[in-house]
Protein backbone atom coordinates (compact mmCIF):
# COMPACT_ATOMS: atom_id res chain seq x y z
CA MET A 1 37.07 54.70 44.23
CA ASP A 2 38.22 51.13 43.70
CA GLN A 3 41.32 50.93 41.59
CA GLN A 4 40.31 47.95 39.46
CA ARG A 5 37.18 49.58 38.14
CA PRO A 6 39.01 51.03 35.09
CA LEU A 7 39.23 47.47 33.74
CA LEU A 8 35.46 47.21 33.88
CA TYR A 9 35.09 50.68 32.41
CA PHE A 10 37.36 49.70 29.55
CA ALA A 11 35.26 46.62 28.79
CA LEU A 12 32.07 48.69 28.84
CA LEU A 13 33.64 51.40 26.66
CA PHE A 14 34.80 48.88 24.09
CA LEU A 15 31.48 47.02 24.00
CA SER A 16 29.71 50.38 23.64
CA TYR A 17 31.98 51.18 20.70
CA LEU A 18 31.06 47.88 19.01
CA ILE A 19 27.35 48.60 19.49
CA TRP A 20 27.82 52.14 18.15
CA MET A 21 29.65 50.84 15.06
CA ALA A 22 26.85 48.34 14.39
CA TRP A 23 24.24 51.08 14.80
CA MET A 24 26.13 53.45 12.48
CA GLU A 25 26.27 50.74 9.84
CA ASP A 26 22.47 50.64 9.66
CA HIS A 27 21.26 54.03 10.90
CA ALA A 28 23.94 56.59 10.15
CA PRO A 29 22.68 59.76 8.44
CA LYS A 30 22.93 59.60 4.67
CA PRO A 31 25.46 61.93 3.04
CA VAL A 32 24.07 65.03 1.35
CA LEU A 33 24.06 64.33 -2.36
CA THR A 34 24.30 67.73 -4.02
CA GLU A 35 22.74 68.37 -7.38
CA ALA A 36 24.98 69.44 -10.25
CA THR A 37 24.49 72.97 -11.48
CA SER A 38 26.05 72.12 -14.82
CA THR A 39 23.94 71.43 -17.88
CA ALA A 40 25.54 68.01 -17.90
CA THR A 41 23.42 65.75 -15.74
CA THR A 42 23.37 62.09 -14.88
CA GLN A 43 20.21 62.33 -12.85
CA ASN A 44 18.05 60.85 -15.62
CA ILE A 45 19.22 57.52 -16.88
CA PRO A 46 17.82 56.76 -20.36
CA THR A 47 16.54 53.51 -21.74
CA GLY A 48 18.58 51.24 -23.95
CA THR A 49 19.27 51.58 -27.64
CA ASN A 50 16.36 49.45 -28.68
CA GLY A 51 13.86 51.54 -26.75
CA THR A 52 13.53 49.07 -23.90
CA SER A 53 14.66 49.51 -20.32
CA ASP A 54 17.42 46.89 -20.37
CA ARG A 55 20.29 49.41 -20.53
CA LEU A 56 19.61 51.79 -17.69
CA ASP A 57 23.26 51.81 -16.68
CA ILE A 58 24.39 54.16 -19.47
CA PRO A 59 24.76 57.83 -18.46
CA GLU A 60 22.94 60.42 -20.56
CA GLY A 61 24.73 62.41 -23.24
CA VAL A 62 24.81 66.20 -23.45
CA ALA A 63 22.11 67.71 -25.63
CA THR A 64 23.18 70.85 -27.51
CA ALA A 65 19.69 71.97 -28.51
CA PRO A 66 16.15 71.23 -27.33
CA ALA A 67 15.39 69.44 -30.56
CA ALA A 68 18.20 67.01 -29.91
CA SER A 69 17.14 66.15 -26.38
CA THR A 70 14.86 63.33 -27.51
CA GLU A 71 17.82 61.81 -29.32
CA ALA A 72 20.13 62.00 -26.30
CA VAL A 73 20.38 58.25 -26.15
CA PRO A 74 23.88 56.83 -26.57
CA THR A 75 23.87 53.94 -28.97
CA ASP A 76 26.01 51.66 -31.01
CA VAL A 77 25.37 49.97 -34.28
CA ALA A 78 24.16 46.39 -34.34
CA PRO A 79 26.92 44.04 -33.27
CA ALA A 80 28.90 42.74 -36.21
CA ALA A 81 30.70 40.02 -34.31
CA LYS A 82 30.08 37.68 -31.43
CA THR A 83 31.30 38.85 -28.02
CA SER A 84 34.61 37.33 -27.02
CA GLU A 85 37.09 37.77 -24.19
CA ILE A 86 40.67 39.02 -24.17
CA HIS A 87 43.06 37.59 -21.60
CA VAL A 88 45.78 40.01 -20.45
CA ARG A 89 48.58 38.97 -18.10
CA THR A 90 51.38 41.05 -16.60
CA ASP A 91 53.72 40.31 -13.73
CA VAL A 92 51.12 41.58 -11.19
CA LEU A 93 47.75 41.43 -12.98
CA ASP A 94 45.67 38.77 -14.69
CA ILE A 95 42.73 40.47 -16.41
CA ILE A 96 39.76 39.52 -18.60
CA ILE A 97 38.47 42.21 -20.99
CA SER A 98 35.26 41.72 -22.94
CA THR A 99 35.00 42.86 -26.56
CA GLU A 100 31.53 44.07 -25.59
CA GLY A 101 32.34 47.65 -24.66
CA GLY A 102 35.89 46.84 -23.60
CA SER A 103 34.66 46.22 -20.05
CA ILE A 104 37.09 44.70 -17.55
CA LEU A 105 35.14 41.75 -16.20
CA GLN A 106 37.75 40.14 -14.00
CA ALA A 107 41.00 41.16 -12.30
CA ASP A 108 43.26 38.84 -10.30
CA LEU A 109 46.21 40.20 -8.32
CA LEU A 110 49.04 37.73 -8.94
CA THR A 111 51.20 38.93 -6.04
CA TYR A 112 48.40 38.64 -3.46
CA PRO A 113 47.30 35.05 -2.78
CA VAL A 114 43.84 34.29 -1.40
CA SER A 115 45.40 32.77 1.72
CA LEU A 116 48.62 31.22 2.95
CA GLU A 117 47.04 27.82 2.32
CA GLU A 118 46.25 28.79 -1.30
CA LYS A 119 49.39 30.59 -2.39
CA ASP A 120 48.84 29.59 -6.02
CA HIS A 121 45.39 31.21 -6.13
CA PRO A 122 45.52 35.01 -6.50
CA ILE A 123 42.92 37.22 -4.85
CA ARG A 124 40.18 38.28 -7.27
CA VAL A 125 39.09 41.91 -7.02
CA LEU A 126 36.91 42.53 -10.09
CA ASP A 127 34.67 39.50 -10.23
CA ARG A 128 31.84 38.74 -12.65
CA ALA A 129 30.29 36.48 -9.99
CA LYS A 130 29.70 39.65 -7.93
CA ALA A 131 28.75 41.75 -10.99
CA TYR A 132 31.84 43.74 -10.01
CA ALA A 133 33.30 45.21 -13.22
CA ALA A 134 34.94 48.31 -14.67
CA GLN A 135 33.10 49.81 -17.64
CA SER A 136 33.91 52.69 -19.95
CA GLY A 137 32.52 54.15 -23.13
CA LEU A 138 31.55 57.17 -25.18
CA ILE A 139 28.16 58.85 -25.46
CA SER A 140 26.96 61.29 -28.08
CA THR A 141 23.89 63.37 -28.78
CA ALA A 142 23.28 61.53 -32.04
CA LYS A 143 22.70 57.84 -32.62
CA GLY A 144 25.43 55.65 -34.00
CA LEU A 145 28.31 58.05 -33.37
CA ALA A 146 29.74 56.65 -30.12
CA PRO A 147 30.34 53.19 -28.65
CA ASN A 148 29.05 52.73 -25.11
CA HIS A 149 29.94 49.71 -22.98
CA TYR A 150 27.47 47.55 -24.95
CA ALA A 151 29.11 48.23 -28.32
CA GLN A 152 31.01 45.44 -30.05
CA PHE A 153 34.73 46.04 -30.45
CA SER A 154 37.23 43.95 -32.35
CA SER A 155 40.70 42.93 -31.22
CA PRO A 156 43.67 41.69 -33.28
CA GLN A 157 44.29 38.88 -30.77
CA SER A 158 42.65 37.23 -27.80
CA ARG A 159 45.67 36.92 -25.51
CA TYR A 160 48.32 39.42 -24.45
CA GLU A 161 51.21 38.92 -22.05
CA LEU A 162 53.89 41.26 -20.75
CA LEU A 163 57.03 39.36 -21.65
CA ASP A 164 60.22 39.32 -19.61
CA GLY A 165 62.32 42.33 -20.44
CA SER A 166 59.30 44.41 -21.50
CA THR A 167 58.11 47.33 -19.43
CA GLU A 168 54.86 48.15 -21.22
CA LEU A 169 52.01 46.30 -22.88
CA VAL A 170 49.32 47.97 -25.04
CA VAL A 171 46.01 46.21 -25.76
CA PRO A 172 43.98 47.93 -28.54
CA LEU A 173 40.27 47.43 -29.27
CA THR A 174 38.56 49.01 -32.31
CA TRP A 175 34.99 50.04 -33.11
CA THR A 176 33.60 51.69 -36.23
CA ASN A 177 30.14 52.79 -37.28
CA GLY A 178 30.94 52.32 -40.99
CA LYS A 179 30.26 56.01 -41.62
CA GLY A 180 33.62 57.56 -40.93
CA ILE A 181 33.78 57.27 -37.11
CA THR A 182 36.45 54.94 -35.73
CA VAL A 183 37.12 54.59 -32.01
CA THR A 184 40.22 52.86 -30.66
CA LYS A 185 40.23 51.97 -26.98
CA ARG A 186 43.76 51.32 -25.68
CA PHE A 187 44.64 49.71 -22.36
CA THR A 188 48.23 50.37 -21.33
CA PHE A 189 49.77 48.08 -18.73
CA LYS A 190 53.17 48.64 -17.13
CA GLU A 191 55.57 46.31 -15.40
CA GLY A 192 55.00 46.00 -11.65
CA SER A 193 52.03 48.38 -11.71
CA PHE A 194 48.37 47.99 -10.80
CA LEU A 195 47.59 51.25 -12.61
CA VAL A 196 46.20 50.91 -16.16
CA GLY A 197 46.01 53.70 -18.71
CA VAL A 198 42.70 53.76 -20.64
CA ASP A 199 42.57 55.99 -23.74
CA GLN A 200 39.62 56.30 -26.11
CA GLU A 201 40.69 57.83 -29.41
CA VAL A 202 38.02 59.12 -31.79
CA ASP A 203 39.03 59.37 -35.45
CA ASN A 204 36.41 61.54 -37.13
CA GLN A 205 36.26 61.14 -40.91
CA SER A 206 32.46 61.50 -41.06
CA GLY A 207 32.23 64.96 -42.62
CA ILE A 208 30.46 66.42 -39.55
CA ILE A 209 31.62 67.67 -36.14
CA TRP A 210 31.63 64.87 -33.55
CA LYS A 211 30.26 65.92 -30.16
CA GLY A 212 30.23 63.70 -27.12
CA ASN A 213 31.50 62.67 -23.70
CA ASN A 214 33.34 59.74 -22.27
CA TYR A 215 32.40 57.97 -19.05
CA GLN A 216 33.91 55.41 -16.72
CA GLN A 217 32.00 53.52 -14.08
CA LEU A 218 32.31 50.72 -11.57
CA THR A 219 29.43 48.35 -11.11
CA HIS A 220 28.92 46.05 -8.13
CA GLY A 221 26.28 43.51 -7.21
CA VAL A 222 24.75 42.93 -3.77
CA ASN A 223 27.44 42.68 -1.09
CA ASN A 224 27.36 39.40 0.80
CA SER A 225 30.96 39.62 2.01
CA SER A 226 31.90 39.35 5.68
CA GLY A 227 35.63 39.77 5.11
CA GLY A 228 37.49 41.97 7.51
CA MET A 229 35.04 41.45 10.36
CA MET A 230 36.37 41.25 13.91
CA MET A 231 34.13 41.44 16.98
CA GLY A 232 31.23 42.79 14.91
CA ILE A 233 33.27 45.50 13.19
CA GLN A 234 33.48 45.03 9.44
CA ALA A 235 35.75 46.77 6.98
CA TYR A 236 33.76 49.11 4.71
CA VAL A 237 32.51 47.67 1.42
CA GLY A 238 30.94 50.19 -0.91
CA ALA A 239 31.58 53.23 -3.11
CA ALA A 240 33.60 56.37 -2.43
CA TYR A 241 34.74 59.47 -4.30
CA TYR A 242 36.92 62.50 -3.66
CA ASN A 243 35.63 66.06 -3.59
CA GLU A 244 38.29 67.95 -1.62
CA LYS A 245 37.56 65.36 1.05
CA TYR A 246 36.91 61.64 1.25
CA GLU A 247 33.22 60.82 0.69
CA LYS A 248 31.66 57.39 1.16
CA ILE A 249 28.41 56.34 -0.51
CA SER A 250 27.03 53.06 0.77
CA PHE A 251 24.96 50.77 -1.43
CA SER A 252 21.87 51.63 0.61
CA ASP A 253 22.52 55.33 -0.08
CA MET A 254 22.52 54.60 -3.82
CA GLU A 255 19.12 52.95 -3.52
CA ASP A 256 17.70 56.02 -1.79
CA GLU A 257 19.08 58.80 -3.98
CA LYS A 258 21.25 59.34 -7.04
CA LEU A 259 24.37 61.45 -6.84
CA SER A 260 25.09 64.05 -9.52
CA ASN A 261 27.94 66.37 -8.63
CA VAL A 262 30.42 68.33 -10.76
CA ILE A 263 33.94 68.02 -9.34
CA GLN A 264 37.35 69.02 -10.63
CA GLY A 265 39.77 66.09 -10.67
CA GLY A 266 39.10 63.59 -7.93
CA TRP A 267 38.44 59.88 -8.33
CA ALA A 268 35.59 57.35 -8.06
CA ALA A 269 36.15 54.02 -6.35
CA MET A 270 34.69 50.77 -5.08
CA LEU A 271 36.19 49.55 -1.82
CA GLU A 272 36.54 46.08 -0.41
CA HIS A 273 38.64 44.77 2.44
CA TYR A 274 42.33 45.50 1.70
CA PHE A 275 41.66 46.20 -2.01
CA VAL A 276 40.22 48.97 -4.15
CA SER A 277 39.33 49.74 -7.76
CA ALA A 278 39.18 53.35 -8.91
CA TRP A 279 38.73 55.47 -12.01
CA ILE A 280 41.00 58.52 -12.00
CA PRO A 281 40.16 61.24 -14.56
CA PRO A 282 42.59 64.05 -15.47
CA LYS A 283 42.99 66.36 -12.47
CA GLU A 284 42.37 69.52 -14.52
CA GLU A 285 38.95 68.34 -15.81
CA LYS A 286 35.59 69.16 -14.26
CA ASN A 287 33.68 65.91 -14.41
CA THR A 288 30.21 64.83 -13.34
CA TYR A 289 30.32 62.18 -10.62
CA TYR A 290 27.19 60.06 -10.48
CA THR A 291 25.66 57.00 -8.86
CA ASN A 292 22.87 54.74 -10.00
CA TYR A 293 21.00 51.71 -8.74
CA ILE A 294 19.67 49.18 -11.24
CA GLN A 295 16.82 47.53 -9.38
CA LYS A 296 16.21 44.95 -12.08
CA ASP A 297 19.42 43.05 -11.32
CA SER A 298 20.41 44.74 -8.02
CA ARG A 299 23.52 46.50 -9.32
CA TYR A 300 25.15 49.58 -7.87
CA ILE A 301 27.08 52.03 -10.03
CA MET A 302 29.65 54.70 -9.19
CA GLY A 303 30.83 56.64 -12.23
CA VAL A 304 32.48 59.70 -13.76
CA LYS A 305 31.45 61.50 -16.96
CA SER A 306 33.65 64.03 -18.74
CA PRO A 307 32.63 67.39 -20.20
CA GLN A 308 31.55 67.44 -23.83
CA GLN A 309 34.35 67.41 -26.36
CA GLN A 310 34.08 68.44 -30.02
CA ILE A 311 36.20 66.79 -32.70
CA ALA A 312 36.26 68.39 -36.12
CA THR A 313 35.96 66.23 -39.18
CA GLY A 314 39.29 64.98 -40.46
CA THR A 315 40.87 65.13 -36.97
CA LYS A 316 41.31 62.93 -33.93
CA GLY A 317 40.50 63.45 -30.26
CA VAL A 318 41.52 61.42 -27.23
CA PHE A 319 39.83 60.89 -23.87
CA SER A 320 42.46 59.76 -21.36
CA ASN A 321 41.84 58.25 -17.94
CA GLN A 322 43.53 55.91 -15.50
CA PHE A 323 42.16 52.83 -13.81
CA TYR A 324 43.59 51.32 -10.63
CA VAL A 325 42.79 47.85 -9.38
CA GLY A 326 44.97 46.60 -6.57
CA PRO A 327 45.87 46.71 -2.90
CA LYS A 328 45.26 49.69 -0.60
CA ASN A 329 48.95 50.47 -0.40
CA GLN A 330 48.97 53.96 1.10
CA ALA A 331 52.31 55.09 -0.31
CA GLU A 332 51.41 54.04 -3.86
CA LEU A 333 47.85 55.38 -3.75
CA GLU A 334 49.04 58.77 -2.56
CA LYS A 335 51.29 59.04 -5.61
CA ILE A 336 48.48 58.20 -8.04
CA SER A 337 45.92 60.78 -6.96
CA HIS A 338 45.43 63.18 -4.09
CA GLY A 339 43.27 61.62 -1.38
CA LEU A 340 43.25 58.13 -2.88
CA ASP A 341 45.21 56.86 0.13
CA LEU A 342 42.16 57.75 2.26
CA THR A 343 40.49 54.60 0.94
CA VAL A 344 42.52 52.97 3.72
CA ASP A 345 39.65 53.86 6.02
CA TYR A 346 40.61 53.94 9.71
CA GLY A 347 37.30 55.53 10.69
CA VAL A 348 37.05 57.84 13.71
CA PHE A 349 40.45 56.66 14.98
CA SER A 350 42.35 57.95 11.94
CA PHE A 351 44.01 60.59 14.11
CA VAL A 352 45.75 57.73 15.97
CA SER A 353 45.96 55.09 13.24
CA LYS A 354 47.72 57.20 10.61
CA PRO A 355 50.68 58.35 12.74
CA LEU A 356 50.82 54.91 14.35
CA PHE A 357 51.05 53.25 10.95
CA TRP A 358 53.74 55.71 9.85
CA ILE A 359 55.80 54.86 12.93
CA MET A 360 55.28 51.14 12.37
CA GLN A 361 56.21 51.44 8.70
CA SER A 362 59.42 53.27 9.63
CA ILE A 363 60.36 50.60 12.17
CA HIS A 364 59.47 47.81 9.74
CA ASN A 365 61.78 49.31 7.13
CA VAL A 366 64.60 48.61 9.60
CA VAL A 367 63.63 45.29 11.25
CA GLY A 368 61.75 43.75 8.29
CA ASN A 369 59.24 41.85 10.46
CA TRP A 370 55.81 43.09 11.50
CA GLY A 371 55.73 41.02 14.70
CA TRP A 372 58.91 42.59 16.04
CA THR A 373 57.64 45.93 14.75
CA ILE A 374 54.55 45.64 16.97
CA ILE A 375 56.71 44.72 19.96
CA LEU A 376 59.01 47.70 19.40
CA VAL A 377 56.06 50.05 18.91
CA THR A 378 54.58 48.77 22.18
CA LEU A 379 57.87 49.46 23.94
CA LEU A 380 58.00 52.94 22.39
CA ILE A 381 54.45 53.72 23.53
CA LYS A 382 55.31 52.48 27.01
CA ILE A 383 58.34 54.77 27.16
CA VAL A 384 56.33 57.77 25.96
CA PHE A 385 53.67 57.19 28.63
CA PHE A 386 56.05 55.98 31.32
CA TYR A 387 55.65 59.02 33.56
CA PRO A 388 51.78 59.21 33.67
CA SER A 389 51.67 55.43 34.12
CA ALA A 390 54.15 55.74 36.98
CA ILE A 391 51.90 58.27 38.73
CA SER A 392 48.96 55.91 38.36
CA TYR A 393 50.81 52.83 39.56
CA ARG A 394 52.23 54.81 42.46
CA SER A 395 48.67 55.72 43.50
CA MET A 396 47.59 52.09 43.20
CA ALA A 397 50.61 50.90 45.21
CA LYS A 398 49.84 53.35 48.00
CA MET A 399 46.24 52.17 47.97
CA LYS A 400 47.41 48.59 48.37
CA LYS A 401 49.78 49.50 51.19
CA LEU A 402 47.06 51.41 53.03
CA ALA A 403 44.32 48.85 52.31
CA PRO A 404 44.09 47.73 55.99
CA LYS A 405 43.41 51.30 57.13
CA ILE A 406 40.80 51.79 54.39
CA LYS A 407 39.15 48.56 55.48
CA GLU A 408 39.12 49.83 59.05
CA LEU A 409 37.36 53.03 57.92
CA ASN A 410 34.75 50.99 56.07
CA GLU A 411 34.05 48.93 59.16
CA ARG A 412 33.89 51.99 61.43
CA PHE A 413 31.32 53.80 59.29
CA LYS A 414 29.53 50.70 58.01
CA GLY A 415 26.09 52.04 58.88
CA ASP A 416 26.65 55.61 57.66
CA PRO A 417 27.53 55.76 53.93
CA GLN A 418 27.86 59.56 53.84
CA ALA A 419 30.22 59.62 56.83
CA LYS A 420 32.20 56.76 55.34
CA GLN A 421 32.61 58.60 52.03
CA LYS A 422 33.72 61.80 53.79
CA ALA A 423 36.17 59.95 56.03
CA THR A 424 37.58 58.04 53.06
CA MET A 425 38.09 61.19 50.99
CA ASP A 426 39.73 62.94 53.96
CA PHE A 427 42.03 59.96 54.32
CA TYR A 428 42.93 60.08 50.60
CA ARG A 429 43.65 63.79 50.92
CA LYS A 430 45.84 63.29 53.97
CA GLU A 431 47.83 60.48 52.35
CA LYS A 432 48.00 62.34 48.99
CA ILE A 433 46.26 59.57 47.09
CA ASN A 434 44.37 60.21 43.85
CA PRO A 435 41.50 57.67 43.76
CA LEU A 436 41.11 58.30 40.01
CA GLY A 437 44.79 57.63 39.32
CA GLY A 438 44.21 54.07 38.20
CA CYS A 439 42.05 55.25 35.29
CA LEU A 440 44.86 57.13 33.57
CA PRO A 441 46.76 54.25 31.87
CA MET A 442 43.52 52.74 30.59
CA LEU A 443 42.24 56.03 29.21
CA ILE A 444 45.58 56.66 27.52
CA GLN A 445 45.72 53.21 25.98
CA MET A 446 42.11 53.09 24.76
CA PRO A 447 42.62 55.24 21.61
CA VAL A 448 45.99 53.57 20.97
CA PHE A 449 44.35 50.17 21.28
CA MET A 450 41.55 51.07 18.84
CA GLY A 451 43.96 52.86 16.50
CA LEU A 452 46.15 49.78 16.28
CA TYR A 453 43.04 47.64 15.84
CA TRP A 454 42.13 49.55 12.67
CA VAL A 455 45.73 49.51 11.42
CA LEU A 456 45.67 45.71 11.61
CA ILE A 457 42.20 45.50 10.06
CA GLU A 458 42.72 47.95 7.18
CA SER A 459 46.44 48.00 6.30
CA VAL A 460 47.14 45.57 3.47
CA GLU A 461 50.84 45.74 4.40
CA LEU A 462 50.02 43.60 7.46
CA ARG A 463 47.87 41.12 5.51
CA GLN A 464 49.50 37.68 5.74
CA ALA A 465 52.45 39.25 7.59
CA PRO A 466 54.44 36.60 9.50
CA TRP A 467 56.14 36.88 12.87
CA LEU A 468 57.62 33.59 14.07
CA ALA A 469 56.69 29.92 14.61
CA TRP A 470 53.04 29.39 13.67
CA TYR A 471 52.30 33.12 13.50
CA GLN A 472 52.32 33.45 9.72
CA ASP A 473 49.52 36.02 9.50
CA LEU A 474 49.21 38.63 12.23
CA SER A 475 45.98 40.03 10.75
CA VAL A 476 43.97 36.90 11.64
CA LEU A 477 43.20 35.03 14.84
CA ASP A 478 45.90 33.19 16.76
CA PRO A 479 45.46 29.62 15.41
CA PHE A 480 46.28 28.02 18.78
CA TYR A 481 45.01 30.86 21.02
CA ILE A 482 48.35 31.01 22.84
CA LEU A 483 48.59 34.80 22.95
CA PRO A 484 45.02 35.28 24.30
CA LEU A 485 45.76 32.76 27.06
CA ILE A 486 49.03 34.54 27.92
CA PHE A 487 47.10 37.79 27.97
CA GLY A 488 44.54 36.34 30.39
CA ALA A 489 47.30 35.06 32.67
CA SER A 490 49.11 38.42 32.59
CA MET A 491 45.89 40.22 33.45
CA TYR A 492 45.36 37.87 36.39
CA PHE A 493 48.85 38.52 37.78
CA GLN A 494 48.45 42.25 37.21
CA GLN A 495 45.30 42.20 39.30
CA LYS A 496 47.26 40.61 42.13
CA LEU A 497 49.41 43.75 42.23
CA ASN A 498 46.33 45.93 42.66
CA PRO A 499 44.68 46.76 46.00
CA PRO A 500 42.02 44.20 46.95
CA GLN A 501 38.33 45.00 46.61
CA MET A 502 36.44 45.70 49.82
CA ASP A 503 33.09 44.61 48.47
CA PRO A 504 32.79 40.78 48.17
CA MET A 505 30.58 41.12 45.07
CA GLN A 506 33.16 43.34 43.36
CA GLN A 507 35.85 40.81 44.26
CA LYS A 508 33.92 38.14 42.34
CA ILE A 509 33.32 40.44 39.37
CA PHE A 510 36.95 41.47 39.02
CA ALA A 511 38.15 37.91 39.57
CA PHE A 512 36.06 36.97 36.53
CA LEU A 513 37.38 39.81 34.31
CA PRO A 514 40.52 37.96 33.10
CA ILE A 515 38.26 35.21 31.75
CA VAL A 516 35.96 37.72 30.03
CA PHE A 517 38.86 39.54 28.39
CA THR A 518 40.54 36.28 27.36
CA VAL A 519 37.37 35.15 25.57
CA MET A 520 37.07 38.60 23.93
CA PHE A 521 40.67 38.50 22.74
CA LEU A 522 40.19 35.08 21.16
CA PHE A 523 38.49 36.95 18.29
CA PHE A 524 41.11 39.67 17.86
CA PRO A 525 43.90 39.64 15.26
CA ALA A 526 47.03 38.01 16.61
CA GLY A 527 48.99 41.22 16.05
CA LEU A 528 46.64 43.18 18.31
CA VAL A 529 46.81 40.55 21.06
CA LEU A 530 50.60 40.58 20.73
CA TYR A 531 50.56 44.32 21.41
CA TRP A 532 48.40 43.89 24.49
CA VAL A 533 50.43 40.95 25.87
CA VAL A 534 53.69 42.90 25.57
CA ASN A 535 52.02 45.96 27.05
CA ASN A 536 50.74 43.92 30.01
CA LEU A 537 54.12 42.34 30.67
CA LEU A 538 55.82 45.74 30.62
CA SER A 539 53.09 47.14 32.87
CA ILE A 540 53.51 44.27 35.33
CA ALA A 541 57.26 44.93 35.50
CA GLN A 542 56.71 48.65 35.99
CA GLN A 543 53.94 48.18 38.55
CA TRP A 544 55.91 45.57 40.53
CA PHE A 545 58.91 47.89 40.66
CA ILE A 546 56.80 50.84 41.85
CA THR A 547 54.97 48.73 44.44
CA HIS A 548 58.30 47.45 45.73
CA GLN A 549 59.58 51.03 45.99
CA ILE A 550 56.48 52.19 47.88
CA GLU A 551 56.65 49.28 50.31
CA ALA A 552 60.34 50.02 50.87
CA GLY A 553 59.59 53.68 51.56
CA LYS A 554 61.24 54.95 48.37
CA SER A 555 58.19 56.51 46.76
CA THR A 556 60.04 59.33 45.03
CA SER A 557 62.59 57.21 43.19
CA VAL A 558 60.19 56.07 40.47
CA ILE A 559 59.12 59.64 39.74
CA ALA A 560 62.73 60.71 39.48
CA LEU A 561 63.40 57.75 37.22
CA GLY A 562 60.48 58.74 35.00
CA LYS A 563 61.72 62.30 34.71
CA LYS A 564 65.24 61.16 33.90
CA LEU A 565 63.90 58.77 31.26
CA LEU A 566 61.78 61.48 29.65
CA LYS A 567 64.74 63.89 29.59
CA LYS A 568 66.91 61.23 28.03
CA ASP A 569 64.24 60.36 25.49
CA SER A 570 63.79 64.01 24.45
């Protein structure tokens, strides 16, 4: 078998992977949406408070008796004040909260600029232009006892700011039905944190027992984003939740079927490239997780509803939840809730990406630069796989040295393909050559290559990460295409070390491969191309050394060197 074919196989494998990813995006089987066995259900979404269908995004309350089921429509009293907005600013968040329901309409991350060219413009996660908001409210089995996210709240001021020296900021909103029920919704912000505490306190002075649930939901409009796309692979944008494992629910899934599932703890999230928003209920609660699609305005909803709580008259009750809006920082997300770090979605290559990222993070903690981190990781990978690579390069070097004899065999049996194949295999066996040896390095590097690809695509830690000179963001394309050109040149020189092709047509194909791969790598993140360039240069050095040893008749020295290096490394 020709030794340069693995390069072609790699190209075909990678292109097949891109096609598979595109197919999965549109045709993957829908997740099984299990029905809740609890009496609490979000399967039927009621109409709005005025009897029309303009408020289909409110989950249904829990009816306690059949007679009350027709009244299971959460409602608020007529608004007593005009809707206004509350501006909240901390050292990391800039948020807009509406007095209508206390919904968070907008969230800017002050420590994450849109781009290096717009450092003064923070990235916007929650965005009213995308109908992307965080809503919360209360629902009851009787009218006028609970404020949903359409109820009008009042606020003592319209602007709050976490001042220097302060570690906490509380933003209170108040609603009352005028009949003894007062609800105070408190947002608690902390210094340096993207995690917000959201408490809804019910003060029941109505003379009757208050019964109801609280809910939190994320709403998102139609996704037109192409962020995070490289070579046809796009970072996931959609909903997810945690039920002992990470579950994704695409927007198309929401259109097809509604989710209603009772889960203890967990979280419900909306994911975008590098950033996530999530509602995190208390881990000891069994909550109903639900989805909904509002066809009227093309909105998708992922939400959580608590069990019913009873509050006796003359007492208070509190529904407590947490809301996260920020970067997909794995270390921080893991501390907040179990499984939340899985929103950093590496796909099928997680088994490579996760340990690879851990190694890179450990190295980065020492060197402080992601570019040098990638170079050191490449060197580490090369050391780990030095011995199998040496075996492969040794086989290729022997093939090159014996190329004249192989050519002679081809000429001798030119008219008899079967005899030629038998004679060639006998020759390989006699000379102890493995014709498949050249495939080994490529097969080893394929999962590492794809794992690193997803690390660069999904890990917010590498977003806008500089290296040197004009490389100020390793997660985007090389602005001057220098690294892809170096890669193409290194691939060309590496081919020169390989045995020549016997077939003239194959010679033309493989001569064209460096150009094909260079064009392909023009669209890869600079960090990924940096990995491959360093890997190629190290491979060229290793292959040249082995070829030189074979030609000098010292074929065993490289194997001994590999064994010594592995022993030293262990």
